[in-house]
Amino acid sequence: MRVSAEALRTQRMRKAMTQKELAAAAGVSYITISRMENEQSGPVKPPTLRKLSTALGVLPEELIEWGPESVSETGKATA
């Protein structure tokens, strides 16, 4: 599963946080945040997603990039 660059940036800006502030609050590197927001990162690990969502005060699902590959034929999320 991947983090949506747009969702991450939007939620970060709603909290009036810089990338460095979010990185510190989530316990991840600034480079990680920068790469995610610039769509240069690969799949995110569940613990990292939880850290980001907690720091931003949102549900993890709000940060996931939902695309055709993350929905099964039955219409249920597979990410």
PDB file of N, CA and C in Angstrom:
ATOM      1  N   MET A   1       0.851  -1.172   0.000  1.00  0.00           N
ATOM      2  CA  MET A   1       0.000   0.000   0.000  1.00  0.00           C
ATOM      3  C   MET A   1       0.889   1.225   0.000  1.00  0.00           C
ATOM      4  N   ARG A   2       0.373   2.261  -0.616  1.00  0.00           N
ATOM      5  CA  ARG A   2       1.128   3.503  -0.736  1.00  0.00           C
ATOM      6  C   ARG A   2       0.367   4.640  -0.056  1.00  0.00           C
ATOM      7  N   VAL A   3       1.139   5.614   0.406  1.00  0.00           N
ATOM      8  CA  VAL A   3       0.547   6.820   0.975  1.00  0.00           C
ATOM      9  C   VAL A   3       0.238   7.771  -0.175  1.00  0.00           C
ATOM     10  N   SER A   4      -0.934   8.358  -0.147  1.00  0.00           N
ATOM     11  CA  SER A   4      -1.310   9.359  -1.141  1.00  0.00           C
ATOM     12  C   SER A   4      -0.550  10.654  -0.838  1.00  0.00           C
ATOM     13  N   ALA A   5       0.252  11.092  -1.812  1.00  0.00           N
ATOM     14  CA  ALA A   5       1.021  12.321  -1.630  1.00  0.00           C
ATOM     15  C   ALA A   5       0.093  13.499  -1.338  1.00  0.00           C
ATOM     16  N   GLU A   6      -0.999  13.568  -2.074  1.00  0.00           N
ATOM     17  CA  GLU A   6      -1.941  14.670  -1.900  1.00  0.00           C
ATOM     18  C   GLU A   6      -2.597  14.639  -0.526  1.00  0.00           C
ATOM     19  N   ALA A   7      -3.020  13.450  -0.090  1.00  0.00           N
ATOM     20  CA  ALA A   7      -3.672  13.339   1.222  1.00  0.00           C
ATOM     21  C   ALA A   7      -2.698  13.687   2.340  1.00  0.00           C
ATOM     22  N   LEU A   8      -1.468  13.199   2.238  1.00  0.00           N
ATOM     23  CA  LEU A   8      -0.468  13.485   3.268  1.00  0.00           C
ATOM     24  C   LEU A   8      -0.194  14.985   3.349  1.00  0.00           C
ATOM     25  N   ARG A   9       0.024  15.605   2.207  1.00  0.00           N
ATOM     26  CA  ARG A   9       0.308  17.042   2.170  1.00  0.00           C
ATOM     27  C   ARG A   9      -0.884  17.843   2.700  1.00  0.00           C
ATOM     28  N   THR A  10      -2.089  17.481   2.274  1.00  0.00           N
ATOM     29  CA  THR A  10      -3.296  18.191   2.709  1.00  0.00           C
ATOM     30  C   THR A  10      -3.482  18.091   4.217  1.00  0.00           C
ATOM     31  N   GLN A  11      -3.348  16.884   4.762  1.00  0.00           N
ATOM     32  CA  GLN A  11      -3.518  16.701   6.211  1.00  0.00           C
ATOM     33  C   GLN A  11      -2.421  17.427   6.992  1.00  0.00           C
ATOM     34  N   ARG A  12      -1.200  17.398   6.475  1.00  0.00           N
ATOM     35  CA  ARG A  12      -0.090  18.094   7.149  1.00  0.00           C
ATOM     36  C   ARG A  12      -0.352  19.589   7.179  1.00  0.00           C
ATOM     37  N   MET A  13      -0.815  20.129   6.059  1.00  0.00           N
ATOM     38  CA  MET A  13      -1.065  21.571   5.990  1.00  0.00           C
ATOM     39  C   MET A  13      -2.257  21.964   6.862  1.00  0.00           C
ATOM     40  N   ARG A  14      -3.259  21.087   6.973  1.00  0.00           N
ATOM     41  CA  ARG A  14      -4.403  21.361   7.860  1.00  0.00           C
ATOM     42  C   ARG A  14      -3.954  21.501   9.312  1.00  0.00           C
ATOM     43  N   LYS A  15      -2.919  20.749   9.661  1.00  0.00           N
ATOM     44  CA  LYS A  15      -2.379  20.825  11.020  1.00  0.00           C
ATOM     45  C   LYS A  15      -1.324  21.936  11.140  1.00  0.00           C
ATOM     46  N   ALA A  16      -1.104  22.669  10.055  1.00  0.00           N
ATOM     47  CA  ALA A  16      -0.120  23.758  10.015  1.00  0.00           C
ATOM     48  C   ALA A  16       1.271  23.270  10.432  1.00  0.00           C
ATOM     49  N   MET A  17       1.654  22.106   9.905  1.00  0.00           N
ATOM     50  CA  MET A  17       2.955  21.517  10.225  1.00  0.00           C
ATOM     51  C   MET A  17       3.868  21.570   9.006  1.00  0.00           C
ATOM     52  N   THR A  18       5.146  21.741   9.266  1.00  0.00           N
ATOM     53  CA  THR A  18       6.127  21.604   8.200  1.00  0.00           C
ATOM     54  C   THR A  18       6.441  20.121   8.047  1.00  0.00           C
ATOM     55  N   GLN A  19       7.136  19.780   6.986  1.00  0.00           N
ATOM     56  CA  GLN A  19       7.540  18.387   6.807  1.00  0.00           C
ATOM     57  C   GLN A  19       8.432  17.944   7.971  1.00  0.00           C
ATOM     58  N   LYS A  20       9.304  18.817   8.400  1.00  0.00           N
ATOM     59  CA  LYS A  20      10.209  18.480   9.511  1.00  0.00           C
ATOM     60  C   LYS A  20       9.443  18.287  10.813  1.00  0.00           C
ATOM     61  N   GLU A  21       8.428  19.106  11.044  1.00  0.00           N
ATOM     62  CA  GLU A  21       7.615  18.959  12.255  1.00  0.00           C
ATOM     63  C   GLU A  21       6.833  17.648  12.236  1.00  0.00           C
ATOM     64  N   LEU A  22       6.275  17.303  11.082  1.00  0.00           N
ATOM     65  CA  LEU A  22       5.562  16.038  10.977  1.00  0.00           C
ATOM     66  C   LEU A  22       6.515  14.861  11.182  1.00  0.00           C
ATOM     67  N   ALA A  23       7.679  14.944  10.585  1.00  0.00           N
ATOM     68  CA  ALA A  23       8.662  13.876  10.744  1.00  0.00           C
ATOM     69  C   ALA A  23       9.013  13.669  12.214  1.00  0.00           C
ATOM     70  N   ALA A  24       9.230  14.753  12.928  1.00  0.00           N
ATOM     71  CA  ALA A  24       9.566  14.659  14.351  1.00  0.00           C
ATOM     72  C   ALA A  24       8.396  14.094  15.153  1.00  0.00           C
ATOM     73  N   ALA A  25       7.185  14.547  14.853  1.00  0.00           N
ATOM     74  CA  ALA A  25       6.009  14.085  15.588  1.00  0.00           C
ATOM     75  C   ALA A  25       5.723  12.609  15.332  1.00  0.00           C
ATOM     76  N   ALA A  26       6.014  12.153  14.117  1.00  0.00           N
ATOM     77  CA  ALA A  26       5.730  10.763  13.748  1.00  0.00           C
ATOM     78  C   ALA A  26       6.910   9.831  14.025  1.00  0.00           C
ATOM     79  N   GLY A  27       8.059  10.401  14.313  1.00  0.00           N
ATOM     80  CA  GLY A  27       9.229   9.562  14.569  1.00  0.00           C
ATOM     81  C   GLY A  27       9.795   8.926  13.314  1.00  0.00           C
ATOM     82  N   VAL A  28       9.677   9.642  12.185  1.00  0.00           N
ATOM     83  CA  VAL A  28      10.270   9.183  10.929  1.00  0.00           C
ATOM     84  C   VAL A  28      11.194  10.284  10.418  1.00  0.00           C
ATOM     85  N   SER A  29      11.969   9.979   9.405  1.00  0.00           N
ATOM     86  CA  SER A  29      12.899  10.990   8.903  1.00  0.00           C
ATOM     87  C   SER A  29      12.192  12.014   8.024  1.00  0.00           C
ATOM     88  N   TYR A  30      12.770  13.197   7.967  1.00  0.00           N
ATOM     89  CA  TYR A  30      12.261  14.259   7.096  1.00  0.00           C
ATOM     90  C   TYR A  30      12.289  13.786   5.646  1.00  0.00           C
ATOM     91  N   ILE A  31      13.324  13.053   5.272  1.00  0.00           N
ATOM     92  CA  ILE A  31      13.452  12.548   3.906  1.00  0.00           C
ATOM     93  C   ILE A  31      12.270  11.638   3.564  1.00  0.00           C
ATOM     94  N   THR A  32      11.823  10.833   4.526  1.00  0.00           N
ATOM     95  CA  THR A  32      10.676   9.954   4.300  1.00  0.00           C
ATOM     96  C   THR A  32       9.442  10.774   3.939  1.00  0.00           C
ATOM     97  N   ILE A  33       9.171  11.822   4.698  1.00  0.00           N
ATOM     98  CA  ILE A  33       8.010  12.681   4.432  1.00  0.00           C
ATOM     99  C   ILE A  33       8.158  13.345   3.063  1.00  0.00           C
ATOM    100  N   SER A  34       9.322  13.884   2.794  1.00  0.00           N
ATOM    101  CA  SER A  34       9.572  14.562   1.523  1.00  0.00           C
ATOM    102  C   SER A  34       9.358  13.620   0.346  1.00  0.00           C
ATOM    103  N   ARG A  35       9.885  12.420   0.441  1.00  0.00           N
ATOM    104  CA  ARG A  35       9.721  11.450  -0.651  1.00  0.00           C
ATOM    105  C   ARG A  35       8.259  11.055  -0.837  1.00  0.00           C
ATOM    106  N   MET A  36       7.543  10.868   0.262  1.00  0.00           N
ATOM    107  CA  MET A  36       6.128  10.512   0.152  1.00  0.00           C
ATOM    108  C   MET A  36       5.338  11.612  -0.528  1.00  0.00           C
ATOM    109  N   GLU A  37       5.598  12.856  -0.150  1.00  0.00           N
ATOM    110  CA  GLU A  37       4.849  13.970  -0.722  1.00  0.00           C
ATOM    111  C   GLU A  37       5.237  14.250  -2.171  1.00  0.00           C
ATOM    112  N   ASN A  38       6.401  13.789  -2.579  1.00  0.00           N
ATOM    113  CA  ASN A  38       6.856  13.984  -3.961  1.00  0.00           C
ATOM    114  C   ASN A  38       6.718  12.716  -4.795  1.00  0.00           C
ATOM    115  N   GLU A  39       5.934  11.759  -4.274  1.00  0.00           N
ATOM    116  CA  GLU A  39       5.658  10.497  -4.964  1.00  0.00           C
ATOM    117  C   GLU A  39       6.926   9.762  -5.378  1.00  0.00           C
ATOM    118  N   GLN A  40       7.920   9.783  -4.493  1.00  0.00           N
ATOM    119  CA  GLN A  40       9.187   9.114  -4.764  1.00  0.00           C
ATOM    120  C   GLN A  40       9.435   7.979  -3.784  1.00  0.00           C
ATOM    121  N   SER A  41       8.410   7.549  -3.086  1.00  0.00           N
ATOM    122  CA  SER A  41       8.574   6.475  -2.115  1.00  0.00           C
ATOM    123  C   SER A  41       7.848   5.231  -2.583  1.00  0.00           C
ATOM    124  N   GLY A  42       8.269   4.121  -2.066  1.00  0.00           N
ATOM    125  CA  GLY A  42       7.616   2.860  -2.384  1.00  0.00           C
ATOM    126  C   GLY A  42       6.485   2.596  -1.402  1.00  0.00           C
ATOM    127  N   PRO A  43       6.098   1.348  -1.292  1.00  0.00           N
ATOM    128  CA  PRO A  43       5.033   0.983  -0.343  1.00  0.00           C
ATOM    129  C   PRO A  43       5.412   1.359   1.090  1.00  0.00           C
ATOM    130  N   VAL A  44       4.423   1.751   1.848  1.00  0.00           N
ATOM    131  CA  VAL A  44       4.643   2.136   3.237  1.00  0.00           C
ATOM    132  C   VAL A  44       4.319   0.947   4.140  1.00  0.00           C
ATOM    133  N   LYS A  45       5.103   0.781   5.177  1.00  0.00           N
ATOM    134  CA  LYS A  45       4.858  -0.291   6.138  1.00  0.00           C
ATOM    135  C   LYS A  45       3.765   0.146   7.111  1.00  0.00           C
ATOM    136  N   PRO A  46       2.937  -0.805   7.547  1.00  0.00           N
ATOM    137  CA  PRO A  46       1.841  -0.452   8.467  1.00  0.00           C
ATOM    138  C   PRO A  46       2.276   0.354   9.699  1.00  0.00           C
ATOM    139  N   PRO A  47       3.409   0.025  10.355  1.00  0.00           N
ATOM    140  CA  PRO A  47       3.784   0.837  11.528  1.00  0.00           C
ATOM    141  C   PRO A  47       4.055   2.306  11.168  1.00  0.00           C
ATOM    142  N   THR A  48       4.639   2.541  10.000  1.00  0.00           N
ATOM    143  CA  THR A  48       4.905   3.920   9.563  1.00  0.00           C
ATOM    144  C   THR A  48       3.599   4.637   9.271  1.00  0.00           C
ATOM    145  N   LEU A  49       2.673   3.957   8.628  1.00  0.00           N
ATOM    146  CA  LEU A  49       1.371   4.543   8.346  1.00  0.00           C
ATOM    147  C   LEU A  49       0.657   4.916   9.640  1.00  0.00           C
ATOM    148  N   ARG A  50       0.728   4.050  10.638  1.00  0.00           N
ATOM    149  CA  ARG A  50       0.100   4.346  11.939  1.00  0.00           C
ATOM    150  C   ARG A  50       0.746   5.562  12.596  1.00  0.00           C
ATOM    151  N   LYS A  51       2.070   5.650  12.536  1.00  0.00           N
ATOM    152  CA  LYS A  51       2.771   6.799  13.130  1.00  0.00           C
ATOM    153  C   LYS A  51       2.326   8.101  12.466  1.00  0.00           C
ATOM    154  N   LEU A  52       2.250   8.085  11.144  1.00  0.00           N
ATOM    155  CA  LEU A  52       1.838   9.292  10.415  1.00  0.00           C
ATOM    156  C   LEU A  52       0.406   9.671  10.744  1.00  0.00           C
ATOM    157  N   SER A  53      -0.485   8.694  10.731  1.00  0.00           N
ATOM    158  CA  SER A  53      -1.897   9.005  10.996  1.00  0.00           C
ATOM    159  C   SER A  53      -2.091   9.504  12.418  1.00  0.00           C
ATOM    160  N   THR A  54      -1.369   8.924  13.365  1.00  0.00           N
ATOM    161  CA  THR A  54      -1.466   9.378  14.752  1.00  0.00           C
ATOM    162  C   THR A  54      -0.970  10.817  14.879  1.00  0.00           C
ATOM    163  N   ALA A  55       0.161  11.116  14.260  1.00  0.00           N
ATOM    164  CA  ALA A  55       0.723  12.467  14.335  1.00  0.00           C
ATOM    165  C   ALA A  55      -0.209  13.500  13.695  1.00  0.00           C
ATOM    166  N   LEU A  56      -0.955  13.073  12.677  1.00  0.00           N
ATOM    167  CA  LEU A  56      -1.859  13.985  11.983  1.00  0.00           C
ATOM    168  C   LEU A  56      -3.279  13.971  12.547  1.00  0.00           C
ATOM    169  N   GLY A  57      -3.571  13.012  13.413  1.00  0.00           N
ATOM    170  CA  GLY A  57      -4.903  12.928  14.012  1.00  0.00           C
ATOM    171  C   GLY A  57      -5.970  12.461  13.037  1.00  0.00           C
ATOM    172  N   VAL A  58      -5.581  11.577  12.116  1.00  0.00           N
ATOM    173  CA  VAL A  58      -6.532  11.037  11.139  1.00  0.00           C
ATOM    174  C   VAL A  58      -6.463   9.514  11.157  1.00  0.00           C
ATOM    175  N   LEU A  59      -7.428   8.876  10.520  1.00  0.00           N
ATOM    176  CA  LEU A  59      -7.401   7.430  10.382  1.00  0.00           C
ATOM    177  C   LEU A  59      -6.364   7.045   9.323  1.00  0.00           C
ATOM    178  N   PRO A  60      -5.691   5.915   9.488  1.00  0.00           N
ATOM    179  CA  PRO A  60      -4.710   5.487   8.476  1.00  0.00           C
ATOM    180  C   PRO A  60      -5.318   5.434   7.070  1.00  0.00           C
ATOM    181  N   GLU A  61      -6.573   5.020   6.967  1.00  0.00           N
ATOM    182  CA  GLU A  61      -7.231   4.901   5.674  1.00  0.00           C
ATOM    183  C   GLU A  61      -7.309   6.228   4.921  1.00  0.00           C
ATOM    184  N   GLU A  62      -7.263   7.323   5.674  1.00  0.00           N
ATOM    185  CA  GLU A  62      -7.339   8.643   5.045  1.00  0.00           C
ATOM    186  C   GLU A  62      -6.055   9.012   4.320  1.00  0.00           C
ATOM    187  N   LEU A  63      -4.986   8.291   4.579  1.00  0.00           N
ATOM    188  CA  LEU A  63      -3.699   8.598   3.954  1.00  0.00           C
ATOM    189  C   LEU A  63      -3.325   7.634   2.835  1.00  0.00           C
ATOM    190  N   ILE A  64      -4.098   6.573   2.676  1.00  0.00           N
ATOM    191  CA  ILE A  64      -3.767   5.549   1.685  1.00  0.00           C
ATOM    192  C   ILE A  64      -4.189   5.987   0.296  1.00  0.00           C
ATOM    193  N   GLU A  65      -3.330   5.685  -0.665  1.00  0.00           N
ATOM    194  CA  GLU A  65      -3.648   5.933  -2.065  1.00  0.00           C
ATOM    195  C   GLU A  65      -4.490   4.773  -2.564  1.00  0.00           C
ATOM    196  N   TRP A  66      -5.726   5.052  -2.857  1.00  0.00           N
ATOM    197  CA  TRP A  66      -6.638   4.010  -3.317  1.00  0.00           C
ATOM    198  C   TRP A  66      -6.683   4.041  -4.827  1.00  0.00           C
ATOM    199  N   GLY A  67      -6.299   2.946  -5.425  1.00  0.00           N
ATOM    200  CA  GLY A  67      -6.337   2.837  -6.876  1.00  0.00           C
ATOM    201  C   GLY A  67      -6.968   1.522  -7.264  1.00  0.00           C
ATOM    202  N   PRO A  68      -7.053   1.255  -8.547  1.00  0.00           N
ATOM    203  CA  PRO A  68      -7.673   0.011  -9.010  1.00  0.00           C
ATOM    204  C   PRO A  68      -7.010  -1.242  -8.442  1.00  0.00           C
ATOM    205  N   GLU A  69      -5.701  -1.175  -8.221  1.00  0.00           N
ATOM    206  CA  GLU A  69      -4.998  -2.350  -7.702  1.00  0.00           C
ATOM    207  C   GLU A  69      -5.285  -2.616  -6.235  1.00  0.00           C
ATOM    208  N   SER A  70      -5.898  -1.665  -5.519  1.00  0.00           N
ATOM    209  CA  SER A  70      -6.181  -1.872  -4.110  1.00  0.00           C
ATOM    210  C   SER A  70      -7.631  -2.249  -3.848  1.00  0.00           C
ATOM    211  N   VAL A  71      -8.373  -2.546  -4.898  1.00  0.00           N
ATOM    212  CA  VAL A  71      -9.763  -2.968  -4.743  1.00  0.00           C
ATOM    213  C   VAL A  71      -9.949  -4.293  -5.474  1.00  0.00           C
ATOM    214  N   SER A  72     -10.523  -5.258  -4.784  1.00  0.00           N
ATOM    215  CA  SER A  72     -10.751  -6.569  -5.393  1.00  0.00           C
ATOM    216  C   SER A  72     -11.944  -6.523  -6.332  1.00  0.00           C
ATOM    217  N   GLU A  73     -12.202  -7.627  -7.003  1.00  0.00           N
ATOM    218  CA  GLU A  73     -13.333  -7.710  -7.920  1.00  0.00           C
ATOM    219  C   GLU A  73     -14.674  -7.524  -7.203  1.00  0.00           C
ATOM    220  N   THR A  74     -14.701  -7.799  -5.909  1.00  0.00           N
ATOM    221  CA  THR A  74     -15.942  -7.638  -5.150  1.00  0.00           C
ATOM    222  C   THR A  74     -16.134  -6.202  -4.664  1.00  0.00           C
ATOM    223  N   GLY A  75     -15.148  -5.352  -4.939  1.00  0.00           N
ATOM    224  CA  GLY A  75     -15.249  -3.956  -4.530  1.00  0.00           C
ATOM    225  C   GLY A  75     -14.726  -3.695  -3.137  1.00  0.00           C
ATOM    226  N   LYS A  76     -14.106  -4.703  -2.516  1.00  0.00           N
ATOM    227  CA  LYS A  76     -13.577  -4.528  -1.171  1.00  0.00           C
ATOM    228  C   LYS A  76     -12.107  -4.151  -1.251  1.00  0.00           C
ATOM    229  N   ALA A  77     -11.670  -3.306  -0.330  1.00  0.00           N
ATOM    230  CA  ALA A  77     -10.271  -2.890  -0.276  1.00  0.00           C
ATOM    231  C   ALA A  77      -9.385  -4.077   0.023  1.00  0.00           C
ATOM    232  N   THR A  78      -8.237  -4.115  -0.663  1.00  0.00           N
ATOM    233  CA  THR A  78      -7.288  -5.205  -0.438  1.00  0.00           C
ATOM    234  C   THR A  78      -5.986  -4.710   0.155  1.00  0.00           C
ATOM    235  N   ALA A  79      -5.827  -3.418   0.341  1.00  0.00           N
ATOM    236  CA  ALA A  79      -4.568  -2.853   0.820  1.00  0.00           C
ATOM    237  C   ALA A  79      -4.302  -3.138   2.245  1.00  0.00           C
TER     238      ALA A  79
END
